[in-house]
Amino acid sequence: ILLLLVTYFMMSLTGNAEAWFIVDMVVTRGFTR
């Protein structure tokens, strides 16, 4: 269980990078919001 909990934590830490930052990321690259 402890091993799985660490896995769940790592998944939430970086797994949503696209969903969270994609809007600001494409704006940074010159596209519109």
All heavy atoms as atom14 arrays in JSON, in Angstrom:
{
  "sequence": "ILLLLVTYFMMSLTGNAEAWFIVDMVVTRGFTR",
  "atom14_mask": [
    [1, 1, 1, 1, 1, 1, 1, 1, 0, 0, 0, 0, 0, 0],
    [1, 1, 1, 1, 1, 1, 1, 1, 0, 0, 0, 0, 0, 0],
    [1, 1, 1, 1, 1, 1, 1, 1, 0, 0, 0, 0, 0, 0],
    [1, 1, 1, 1, 1, 1, 1, 1, 0, 0, 0, 0, 0, 0],
    [1, 1, 1, 1, 1, 1, 1, 1, 0, 0, 0, 0, 0, 0],
    [1, 1, 1, 1, 1, 1, 1, 0, 0, 0, 0, 0, 0, 0],
    [1, 1, 1, 1, 1, 1, 1, 0, 0, 0, 0, 0, 0, 0],
    [1, 1, 1, 1, 1, 1, 1, 1, 1, 1, 1, 1, 0, 0],
    [1, 1, 1, 1, 1, 1, 1, 1, 1, 1, 1, 0, 0, 0],
    [1, 1, 1, 1, 1, 1, 1, 1, 0, 0, 0, 0, 0, 0],
    [1, 1, 1, 1, 1, 1, 1, 1, 0, 0, 0, 0, 0, 0],
    [1, 1, 1, 1, 1, 1, 0, 0, 0, 0, 0, 0, 0, 0],
    [1, 1, 1, 1, 1, 1, 1, 1, 0, 0, 0, 0, 0, 0],
    [1, 1, 1, 1, 1, 1, 1, 0, 0, 0, 0, 0, 0, 0],
    [1, 1, 1, 1, 0, 0, 0, 0, 0, 0, 0, 0, 0, 0],
    [1, 1, 1, 1, 1, 1, 1, 1, 0, 0, 0, 0, 0, 0],
    [1, 1, 1, 1, 1, 0, 0, 0, 0, 0, 0, 0, 0, 0],
    [1, 1, 1, 1, 1, 1, 1, 1, 1, 0, 0, 0, 0, 0],
    [1, 1, 1, 1, 1, 0, 0, 0, 0, 0, 0, 0, 0, 0],
    [1, 1, 1, 1, 1, 1, 1, 1, 1, 1, 1, 1, 1, 1],
    [1, 1, 1, 1, 1, 1, 1, 1, 1, 1, 1, 0, 0, 0],
    [1, 1, 1, 1, 1, 1, 1, 1, 0, 0, 0, 0, 0, 0],
    [1, 1, 1, 1, 1, 1, 1, 0, 0, 0, 0, 0, 0, 0],
    [1, 1, 1, 1, 1, 1, 1, 1, 0, 0, 0, 0, 0, 0],
    [1, 1, 1, 1, 1, 1, 1, 1, 0, 0, 0, 0, 0, 0],
    [1, 1, 1, 1, 1, 1, 1, 0, 0, 0, 0, 0, 0, 0],
    [1, 1, 1, 1, 1, 1, 1, 0, 0, 0, 0, 0, 0, 0],
    [1, 1, 1, 1, 1, 1, 1, 0, 0, 0, 0, 0, 0, 0],
    [1, 1, 1, 1, 1, 1, 1, 1, 1, 1, 1, 0, 0, 0],
    [1, 1, 1, 1, 0, 0, 0, 0, 0, 0, 0, 0, 0, 0],
    [1, 1, 1, 1, 1, 1, 1, 1, 1, 1, 1, 0, 0, 0],
    [1, 1, 1, 1, 1, 1, 1, 0, 0, 0, 0, 0, 0, 0],
    [1, 1, 1, 1, 1, 1, 1, 1, 1, 1, 1, 0, 0, 0]
  ],
  "atom14_positions": [
    [[0.84, -1.2, 0.0], [0.0, 0.0, 0.0], [0.87, 1.25, 0.0], [0.61, 2.22, -0.73], [-0.94, 0.0, 1.22], [-1.95, -1.14, 1.12], [-1.67, 1.34, 1.33], [-2.95, -1.01, 0.0], [0.0, 0.0, 0.0], [0.0, 0.0, 0.0], [0.0, 0.0, 0.0], [0.0, 0.0, 0.0], [0.0, 0.0, 0.0], [0.0, 0.0, 0.0]],
    [[1.92, 1.26, 0.8], [2.81, 2.41, 0.85], [3.47, 2.66, -0.5], [3.62, 3.81, -0.94], [3.88, 2.2, 1.93], [3.38, 2.22, 3.38], [4.52, 1.89, 4.33], [2.77, 3.56, 3.74], [0.0, 0.0, 0.0], [0.0, 0.0, 0.0], [0.0, 0.0, 0.0], [0.0, 0.0, 0.0], [0.0, 0.0, 0.0], [0.0, 0.0, 0.0]],
    [[3.87, 1.58, -1.17], [4.48, 1.72, -2.49], [3.49, 2.31, -3.48], [3.83, 3.18, -4.29], [4.97, 0.35, -2.97], [5.67, 0.31, -4.33], [6.91, 1.19, -4.34], [6.05, -1.14, -4.69], [0.0, 0.0, 0.0], [0.0, 0.0, 0.0], [0.0, 0.0, 0.0], [0.0, 0.0, 0.0], [0.0, 0.0, 0.0], [0.0, 0.0, 0.0]],
    [[2.23, 1.86, -3.41], [1.21, 2.41, -4.3], [0.93, 3.88, -3.98], [0.7, 4.68, -4.89], [-0.08, 1.59, -4.18], [-0.07, 0.2, -4.81], [-1.38, -0.52, -4.52], [0.17, 0.28, -6.31], [0.0, 0.0, 0.0], [0.0, 0.0, 0.0], [0.0, 0.0, 0.0], [0.0, 0.0, 0.0], [0.0, 0.0, 0.0], [0.0, 0.0, 0.0]],
    [[0.93, 4.24, -2.71], [0.68, 5.63, -2.34], [1.76, 6.56, -2.9], [1.46, 7.67, -3.35], [0.61, 5.76, -0.82], [-0.62, 5.14, -0.13], [-0.52, 5.28, 1.37], [-1.91, 5.76, -0.65], [0.0, 0.0, 0.0], [0.0, 0.0, 0.0], [0.0, 0.0, 0.0], [0.0, 0.0, 0.0], [0.0, 0.0, 0.0], [0.0, 0.0, 0.0]],
    [[3.01, 6.1, -2.89], [4.09, 6.89, -3.49], [3.84, 7.04, -4.99], [4.04, 8.12, -5.58], [5.45, 6.25, -3.23], [6.55, 6.97, -4.0], [5.78, 6.25, -1.74], [0.0, 0.0, 0.0], [0.0, 0.0, 0.0], [0.0, 0.0, 0.0], [0.0, 0.0, 0.0], [0.0, 0.0, 0.0], [0.0, 0.0, 0.0], [0.0, 0.0, 0.0]],
    [[3.38, 5.99, -5.63], [3.08, 6.03, -7.06], [1.96, 7.03, -7.35], [2.03, 7.81, -8.32], [2.69, 4.64, -7.56], [3.75, 3.72, -7.29], [2.42, 4.65, -9.06], [0.0, 0.0, 0.0], [0.0, 0.0, 0.0], [0.0, 0.0, 0.0], [0.0, 0.0, 0.0], [0.0, 0.0, 0.0], [0.0, 0.0, 0.0], [0.0, 0.0, 0.0]],
    [[0.91, 7.01, -6.53], [-0.18, 7.96, -6.7], [0.32, 9.4, -6.54], [-0.11, 10.31, -7.28], [-1.29, 7.69, -5.69], [-2.09, 6.44, -5.95], [-2.26, 5.47, -4.96], [-2.69, 6.22, -7.18], [-3.0, 4.33, -5.18], [-3.44, 5.07, -7.41], [-3.58, 4.13, -6.41], [-4.32, 3.0, -6.65], [0.0, 0.0, 0.0], [0.0, 0.0, 0.0]],
    [[1.2, 9.61, -5.58], [1.74, 10.96, -5.37], [2.54, 11.43, -6.59], [2.36, 12.57, -7.06], [2.64, 10.97, -4.13], [3.48, 12.2, -4.0], [2.92, 13.41, -3.63], [4.84, 12.17, -4.27], [3.69, 14.56, -3.53], [5.63, 13.3, -4.17], [5.05, 14.5, -3.8], [0.0, 0.0, 0.0], [0.0, 0.0, 0.0], [0.0, 0.0, 0.0]],
    [[3.4, 10.56, -7.11], [4.21, 10.94, -8.27], [3.34, 11.2, -9.49], [3.61, 12.09, -10.3], [5.23, 9.83, -8.57], [6.18, 9.53, -7.43], [7.2, 10.94, -6.98], [8.43, 10.86, -8.26], [0.0, 0.0, 0.0], [0.0, 0.0, 0.0], [0.0, 0.0, 0.0], [0.0, 0.0, 0.0], [0.0, 0.0, 0.0], [0.0, 0.0, 0.0]],
    [[2.24, 10.44, -9.6], [1.33, 10.64, -10.72], [0.69, 12.02, -10.67], [0.58, 12.72, -11.69], [0.24, 9.55, -10.71], [-0.83, 9.74, -11.77], [-2.13, 8.49, -11.68], [-1.24, 7.07, -12.3], [0.0, 0.0, 0.0], [0.0, 0.0, 0.0], [0.0, 0.0, 0.0], [0.0, 0.0, 0.0], [0.0, 0.0, 0.0], [0.0, 0.0, 0.0]],
    [[0.26, 12.43, -9.47], [-0.39, 13.74, -9.36], [0.6, 14.88, -9.43], [0.25, 16.0, -9.81], [-1.17, 13.82, -8.03], [-0.3, 13.75, -6.93], [0.0, 0.0, 0.0], [0.0, 0.0, 0.0], [0.0, 0.0, 0.0], [0.0, 0.0, 0.0], [0.0, 0.0, 0.0], [0.0, 0.0, 0.0], [0.0, 0.0, 0.0], [0.0, 0.0, 0.0]],
    [[1.86, 14.63, -9.05], [2.86, 15.69, -9.04], [3.16, 16.21, -10.44], [3.26, 17.43, -10.65], [4.15, 15.18, -8.38], [5.3, 16.19, -8.26], [4.9, 17.35, -7.36], [6.56, 15.51, -7.74], [0.0, 0.0, 0.0], [0.0, 0.0, 0.0], [0.0, 0.0, 0.0], [0.0, 0.0, 0.0], [0.0, 0.0, 0.0], [0.0, 0.0, 0.0]],
    [[3.3, 15.32, -11.4], [3.67, 15.75, -12.76], [2.74, 15.21, -13.85], [2.84, 15.62, -15.0], [5.1, 15.29, -13.1], [5.18, 13.86, -12.96], [6.11, 15.92, -12.15], [0.0, 0.0, 0.0], [0.0, 0.0, 0.0], [0.0, 0.0, 0.0], [0.0, 0.0, 0.0], [0.0, 0.0, 0.0], [0.0, 0.0, 0.0], [0.0, 0.0, 0.0]],
    [[1.82, 14.32, -13.47], [0.97, 13.7, -14.49], [0.04, 14.67, -15.19], [-0.35, 14.45, -16.34], [0.0, 0.0, 0.0], [0.0, 0.0, 0.0], [0.0, 0.0, 0.0], [0.0, 0.0, 0.0], [0.0, 0.0, 0.0], [0.0, 0.0, 0.0], [0.0, 0.0, 0.0], [0.0, 0.0, 0.0], [0.0, 0.0, 0.0], [0.0, 0.0, 0.0]],
    [[-0.35, 15.75, -14.5], [-1.28, 16.72, -15.07], [-0.59, 17.91, -15.7], [-1.2, 18.98, -15.86], [-2.26, 17.21, -13.99], [-3.34, 16.19, -13.69], [-3.91, 15.6, -14.6], [-3.61, 15.99, -12.41], [0.0, 0.0, 0.0], [0.0, 0.0, 0.0], [0.0, 0.0, 0.0], [0.0, 0.0, 0.0], [0.0, 0.0, 0.0], [0.0, 0.0, 0.0]],
    [[0.67, 17.77, -16.07], [1.42, 18.91, -16.61], [0.72, 19.51, -17.83], [0.58, 20.74, -17.95], [2.84, 18.46, -16.98], [0.0, 0.0, 0.0], [0.0, 0.0, 0.0], [0.0, 0.0, 0.0], [0.0, 0.0, 0.0], [0.0, 0.0, 0.0], [0.0, 0.0, 0.0], [0.0, 0.0, 0.0], [0.0, 0.0, 0.0], [0.0, 0.0, 0.0]],
    [[0.26, 18.66, -18.74], [-0.42, 19.17, -19.94], [-1.73, 19.85, -19.58], [-2.03, 20.95, -20.07], [-0.69, 18.01, -20.92], [0.53, 17.52, -21.67], [1.34, 16.51, -20.85], [1.01, 16.3, -19.66], [2.29, 15.95, -21.39], [0.0, 0.0, 0.0], [0.0, 0.0, 0.0], [0.0, 0.0, 0.0], [0.0, 0.0, 0.0], [0.0, 0.0, 0.0]],
    [[-2.53, 19.19, -18.75], [-3.85, 19.73, -18.43], [-3.76, 21.06, -17.69], [-4.62, 21.93, -17.86], [-4.63, 18.72, -17.6], [0.0, 0.0, 0.0], [0.0, 0.0, 0.0], [0.0, 0.0, 0.0], [0.0, 0.0, 0.0], [0.0, 0.0, 0.0], [0.0, 0.0, 0.0], [0.0, 0.0, 0.0], [0.0, 0.0, 0.0], [0.0, 0.0, 0.0]],
    [[-2.73, 21.24, -16.88], [-2.62, 22.44, -16.06], [-1.95, 23.6, -16.79], [-2.35, 24.75, -16.66], [-1.84, 22.13, -14.78], [-2.62, 21.39, -13.75], [-3.59, 20.45, -13.97], [-2.5, 21.54, -12.34], [-4.08, 20.0, -12.78], [-3.43, 20.64, -11.75], [-1.71, 22.31, -11.51], [-3.58, 20.51, -10.38], [-1.87, 22.19, -10.14], [-2.8, 21.3, -9.59]],
    [[-0.9, 23.31, -17.54], [-0.04, 24.38, -18.05], [-0.1, 24.57, -19.56], [0.6, 25.43, -20.09], [1.41, 24.12, -17.62], [1.59, 24.02, -16.14], [2.05, 22.84, -15.56], [1.29, 25.09, -15.32], [2.21, 22.74, -14.19], [1.46, 25.0, -13.94], [1.91, 23.82, -13.37], [0.0, 0.0, 0.0], [0.0, 0.0, 0.0], [0.0, 0.0, 0.0]],
    [[-0.91, 23.76, -20.25], [-0.87, 23.83, -21.71], [-1.35, 25.19, -22.23], [-0.82, 25.7, -23.24], [-1.69, 22.67, -22.33], [-1.33, 22.52, -23.8], [-3.18, 22.9, -22.15], [0.09, 22.14, -24.06], [0.0, 0.0, 0.0], [0.0, 0.0, 0.0], [0.0, 0.0, 0.0], [0.0, 0.0, 0.0], [0.0, 0.0, 0.0], [0.0, 0.0, 0.0]],
    [[-2.33, 25.8, -21.56], [-2.84, 27.09, -22.04], [-1.74, 28.15, -21.96], [-1.46, 28.86, -22.94], [-4.08, 27.53, -21.23], [-4.55, 28.91, -21.71], [-5.2, 26.52, -21.36], [0.0, 0.0, 0.0], [0.0, 0.0, 0.0], [0.0, 0.0, 0.0], [0.0, 0.0, 0.0], [0.0, 0.0, 0.0], [0.0, 0.0, 0.0], [0.0, 0.0, 0.0]],
    [[-1.11, 28.27, -20.8], [-0.04, 29.26, -20.65], [1.17, 28.89, -21.49], [1.89, 29.76, -21.99], [0.36, 29.38, -19.18], [1.21, 30.61, -18.91], [0.87, 31.69, -19.43], [2.22, 30.48, -18.2], [0.0, 0.0, 0.0], [0.0, 0.0, 0.0], [0.0, 0.0, 0.0], [0.0, 0.0, 0.0], [0.0, 0.0, 0.0], [0.0, 0.0, 0.0]],
    [[1.39, 27.59, -21.69], [2.54, 27.15, -22.48], [2.41, 27.58, -23.94], [3.36, 28.1, -24.54], [2.68, 25.63, -22.4], [3.81, 25.06, -23.25], [3.89, 23.26, -23.1], [5.16, 22.9, -24.33], [0.0, 0.0, 0.0], [0.0, 0.0, 0.0], [0.0, 0.0, 0.0], [0.0, 0.0, 0.0], [0.0, 0.0, 0.0], [0.0, 0.0, 0.0]],
    [[1.23, 27.38, -24.54], [1.06, 27.77, -25.95], [1.05, 29.29, -26.1], [1.49, 29.81, -27.12], [-0.23, 27.15, -26.55], [-0.15, 25.63, -26.55], [-1.47, 27.62, -25.82], [0.0, 0.0, 0.0], [0.0, 0.0, 0.0], [0.0, 0.0, 0.0], [0.0, 0.0, 0.0], [0.0, 0.0, 0.0], [0.0, 0.0, 0.0], [0.0, 0.0, 0.0]],
    [[0.57, 30.0, -25.06], [0.65, 31.47, -25.1], [2.11, 31.9, -25.1], [2.51, 32.82, -25.83], [-0.12, 32.08, -23.91], [0.15, 33.58, -23.81], [-1.61, 31.83, -24.05], [0.0, 0.0, 0.0], [0.0, 0.0, 0.0], [0.0, 0.0, 0.0], [0.0, 0.0, 0.0], [0.0, 0.0, 0.0], [0.0, 0.0, 0.0], [0.0, 0.0, 0.0]],
    [[2.92, 31.23, -24.27], [4.35, 31.53, -24.22], [5.02, 31.28, -25.56], [5.96, 32.0, -25.95], [5.03, 30.67, -23.13], [4.4, 30.92, -21.88], [6.51, 30.98, -23.01], [0.0, 0.0, 0.0], [0.0, 0.0, 0.0], [0.0, 0.0, 0.0], [0.0, 0.0, 0.0], [0.0, 0.0, 0.0], [0.0, 0.0, 0.0], [0.0, 0.0, 0.0]],
    [[4.53, 30.29, -26.3], [5.12, 29.96, -27.61], [4.53, 30.79, -28.74], [4.8, 30.51, -29.92], [4.95, 28.46, -27.89], [5.77, 27.57, -26.95], [5.72, 26.12, -27.37], [6.57, 25.28, -26.53], [6.75, 23.97, -26.69], [6.11, 23.35, -27.7], [7.53, 23.28, -25.89], [0.0, 0.0, 0.0], [0.0, 0.0, 0.0], [0.0, 0.0, 0.0]],
    [[3.69, 31.74, -28.41], [3.22, 32.67, -29.44], [1.82, 32.41, -29.95], [1.36, 33.12, -30.86], [0.0, 0.0, 0.0], [0.0, 0.0, 0.0], [0.0, 0.0, 0.0], [0.0, 0.0, 0.0], [0.0, 0.0, 0.0], [0.0, 0.0, 0.0], [0.0, 0.0, 0.0], [0.0, 0.0, 0.0], [0.0, 0.0, 0.0], [0.0, 0.0, 0.0]],
    [[1.1, 31.45, -29.39], [-0.27, 31.18, -29.82], [-1.24, 31.94, -28.92], [-0.86, 32.52, -27.9], [-0.56, 29.67, -29.78], [0.37, 28.85, -30.64], [1.45, 28.17, -30.08], [0.19, 28.77, -32.01], [2.31, 27.42, -30.86], [1.05, 28.03, -32.8], [2.12, 27.35, -32.22], [0.0, 0.0, 0.0], [0.0, 0.0, 0.0], [0.0, 0.0, 0.0]],
    [[-2.52, 31.93, -29.25], [-3.52, 32.66, -28.47], [-4.04, 31.82, -27.3], [-3.89, 30.59, -27.29], [-4.72, 33.05, -29.35], [-5.37, 31.85, -29.82], [-4.25, 33.86, -30.55], [0.0, 0.0, 0.0], [0.0, 0.0, 0.0], [0.0, 0.0, 0.0], [0.0, 0.0, 0.0], [0.0, 0.0, 0.0], [0.0, 0.0, 0.0], [0.0, 0.0, 0.0]],
    [[-4.65, 32.51, -26.33], [-5.25, 31.81, -25.2], [-6.4, 30.91, -25.66], [-6.61, 29.82, -25.14], [-5.77, 32.82, -24.17], [-6.2, 32.19, -22.84], [-6.97, 33.18, -21.98], [-8.24, 33.52, -22.6], [-8.8, 34.73, -22.55], [-8.17, 35.7, -21.94], [-9.97, 34.95, -23.12], [0.0, 0.0, 0.0], [0.0, 0.0, 0.0], [0.0, 0.0, 0.0]]
  ]
}
